[in-house]
C-alpha atoms as a PDB file:
ATOM      1  CA  MET A   1      81.275  87.905 102.583  1.00  0.00           C
ATOM      2  CA  LYS A   2      83.041  91.115 101.708  1.00  0.00           C
ATOM      3  CA  LYS A   3      84.919  91.512  98.430  1.00  0.00           C
ATOM      4  CA  ILE A   4      88.459  92.896  98.447  1.00  0.00           C
ATOM      5  CA  THR A   5      91.270  93.283  95.917  1.00  0.00           C
ATOM      6  CA  ARG A   6      94.578  91.411  96.098  1.00  0.00           C
ATOM      7  CA  LYS A   7      96.310  94.645  97.116  1.00  0.00           C
ATOM      8  CA  GLU A   8      93.857  95.094  99.992  1.00  0.00           C
ATOM      9  CA  ALA A   9      94.368  91.452 101.012  1.00  0.00           C
ATOM     10  CA  MET A  10      98.162  91.912 100.967  1.00  0.00           C
ATOM     11  CA  ASP A  11      97.879  95.038 103.117  1.00  0.00           C
ATOM     12  CA  MET A  12      95.570  93.292 105.573  1.00  0.00           C
ATOM     13  CA  ILE A  13      97.900  90.282 105.880  1.00  0.00           C
ATOM     14  CA  GLU A  14     100.862  92.578 106.527  1.00  0.00           C
ATOM     15  CA  ASN A  15      98.864  94.338 109.264  1.00  0.00           C
ATOM     16  CA  THR A  16      97.623  91.256 111.172  1.00  0.00           C
ATOM     17  CA  LYS A  17     100.415  91.912 113.715  1.00  0.00           C
ATOM     18  CA  GLY A  18     101.051  88.232 114.446  1.00  0.00           C
ATOM     19  CA  LYS A  19      97.415  87.269 114.926  1.00  0.00           C
ATOM     20  CA  VAL A  20      96.099  84.061 113.352  1.00  0.00           C
ATOM     21  CA  PHE A  21      94.192  84.300 110.064  1.00  0.00           C
ATOM     22  CA  THR A  22      92.951  81.821 107.459  1.00  0.00           C
ATOM     23  CA  VAL A  23      93.749  81.802 103.759  1.00  0.00           C
ATOM     24  CA  LYS A  24      92.296  79.713 100.962  1.00  0.00           C
ATOM     25  CA  PHE A  25      94.305  79.549  97.762  1.00  0.00           C
ATOM     26  CA  THR A  26      95.130  77.400  94.753  1.00  0.00           C
ATOM     27  CA  LYS A  27      98.498  75.651  94.895  1.00  0.00           C
ATOM     28  CA  SER A  28     100.751  75.578  91.821  1.00  0.00           C
ATOM     29  CA  SER A  29      99.622  71.959  91.336  1.00  0.00           C
ATOM     30  CA  GLY A  30      96.026  73.189  90.931  1.00  0.00           C
ATOM     31  CA  GLU A  31      94.918  71.794  94.302  1.00  0.00           C
ATOM     32  CA  GLU A  32      92.937  74.070  96.633  1.00  0.00           C
ATOM     33  CA  ARG A  33      94.451  74.565 100.067  1.00  0.00           C
ATOM     34  CA  GLU A  34      93.237  76.225 103.245  1.00  0.00           C
ATOM     35  CA  MET A  35      95.507  77.038 106.142  1.00  0.00           C
ATOM     36  CA  ASN A  36      95.466  78.820 109.470  1.00  0.00           C
ATOM     37  CA  CYS A  37      98.597  80.866 109.784  1.00  0.00           C
ATOM     38  CA  ARG A  38     100.251  84.009 111.067  1.00  0.00           C
ATOM     39  CA  THR A  39     103.095  86.311 110.149  1.00  0.00           C
ATOM     40  CA  GLY A  40     106.000  87.591 112.190  1.00  0.00           C
ATOM     41  CA  VAL A  41     107.055  84.286 113.807  1.00  0.00           C
ATOM     42  CA  GLU A  42     110.815  84.190 114.343  1.00  0.00           C
ATOM     43  CA  SER A  43     111.272  81.524 117.031  1.00  0.00           C
ATOM     44  CA  PHE A  44     111.478  78.510 114.684  1.00  0.00           C
ATOM     45  CA  ARG A  45     113.973  79.954 112.232  1.00  0.00           C
ATOM     46  CA  HIS A  46     117.196  78.061 111.718  1.00  0.00           C
ATOM     47  CA  GLY A  47     119.220  80.814 110.129  1.00  0.00           C
ATOM     48  CA  GLY A  48     119.585  81.491 106.455  1.00  0.00           C
ATOM     49  CA  GLU A  49     117.846  84.042 104.333  1.00  0.00           C
ATOM     50  CA  ASN A  50     114.314  84.256 103.011  1.00  0.00           C
ATOM     51  CA  SER A  51     114.649  82.855  99.484  1.00  0.00           C
ATOM     52  CA  THR A  52     111.542  84.737  98.313  1.00  0.00           C
ATOM     53  CA  ALA A  53     112.430  88.193  99.641  1.00  0.00           C
ATOM     54  CA  HIS A  54     112.784  89.438  96.053  1.00  0.00           C
ATOM     55  CA  LYS A  55     109.363  88.034  95.074  1.00  0.00           C
ATOM     56  CA  PRO A  56     106.716  90.362  96.547  1.00  0.00           C
ATOM     57  CA  HIS A  57     103.841  88.133  95.360  1.00  0.00           C
ATOM     58  CA  ILE A  58     105.036  85.211  97.540  1.00  0.00           C
ATOM     59  CA  ILE A  59     103.914  85.476 101.183  1.00  0.00           C
ATOM     60  CA  THR A  60     105.782  83.552 103.880  1.00  0.00           C
ATOM     61  CA  VAL A  61     103.649  82.572 106.882  1.00  0.00           C
ATOM     62  CA  PHE A  62     103.850  80.244 109.866  1.00  0.00           C
ATOM     63  CA  GLU A  63     101.183  77.537 109.691  1.00  0.00           C
ATOM     64  CA  MET A  64      99.295  76.707 112.842  1.00  0.00           C
ATOM     65  CA  PRO A  65      99.094  74.067 114.370  1.00  0.00           C
ATOM     66  CA  LYS A  66     101.685  72.289 112.193  1.00  0.00           C
ATOM     67  CA  LEU A  67     104.350  74.721 113.391  1.00  0.00           C
ATOM     68  CA  GLN A  68     105.967  75.018 109.988  1.00  0.00           C
ATOM     69  CA  TYR A  69     106.778  77.857 107.654  1.00  0.00           C
ATOM     70  CA  ARG A  70     104.762  77.851 104.432  1.00  0.00           C
ATOM     71  CA  LYS A  71     104.487  80.114 101.398  1.00  0.00           C
ATOM     72  CA  PHE A  72     101.648  81.007  99.080  1.00  0.00           C
ATOM     73  CA  ASN A  73     101.258  83.143  96.000  1.00  0.00           C
ATOM     74  CA  ILE A  74      99.048  86.180  96.608  1.00  0.00           C
ATOM     75  CA  ASN A  75      97.933  85.929  92.957  1.00  0.00           C
ATOM     76  CA  ASN A  76      96.284  82.565  93.758  1.00  0.00           C
ATOM     77  CA  LEU A  77      94.512  83.756  96.920  1.00  0.00           C
ATOM     78  CA  LYS A  78      90.745  83.164  96.871  1.00  0.00           C
ATOM     79  CA  GLU A  79      89.586  83.853 100.440  1.00  0.00           C
ATOM     80  CA  PHE A  80      90.975  85.534 103.515  1.00  0.00           C
ATOM     81  CA  LYS A  81      89.449  85.369 106.988  1.00  0.00           C
ATOM     82  CA  PHE A  82      90.566  87.582 109.851  1.00  0.00           C
ATOM     83  CA  ALA A  83      88.924  88.713 113.088  1.00  0.00           C
ATOM     84  CA  GLY A  84      85.711  86.850 112.267  1.00  0.00           C
ATOM     85  CA  THR A  85      85.222  88.423 108.858  1.00  0.00           C
ATOM     86  CA  MET A  86      85.478  86.431 105.617  1.00  0.00           C
ATOM     87  CA  TYR A  87      86.720  88.210 102.504  1.00  0.00           C
ATOM     88  CA  THR A  88      86.560  87.056  98.887  1.00  0.00           C
ATOM     89  CA  VAL A  89      89.605  88.169  96.934  1.00  0.00           C
ATOM     90  CA  GLU A  90      89.010  89.416  93.406  1.00  0.00           C
ATOM     91  CA  ASP A  91      91.207  90.945  90.716  1.00  0.00           C
END
């Protein structure tokens, strides 16, 4: 496993170009969660604005295969997997 910073993880997530990746993070309830997701999905939007656009630490993704939008806090990210490589996120 490679070690990366949160900033590097954020940059990598922004540059996945709609490809599926996996994140493992701690929810605000303290529960660990893992999800397969992607960014850039627009087809399931029902209008409205992104309520977290002013919060750069909150990442909005589209969870696969549940076909639902989800959000996670980049500050709670533990692992990130993309293109067959697993990364451990550290401060």
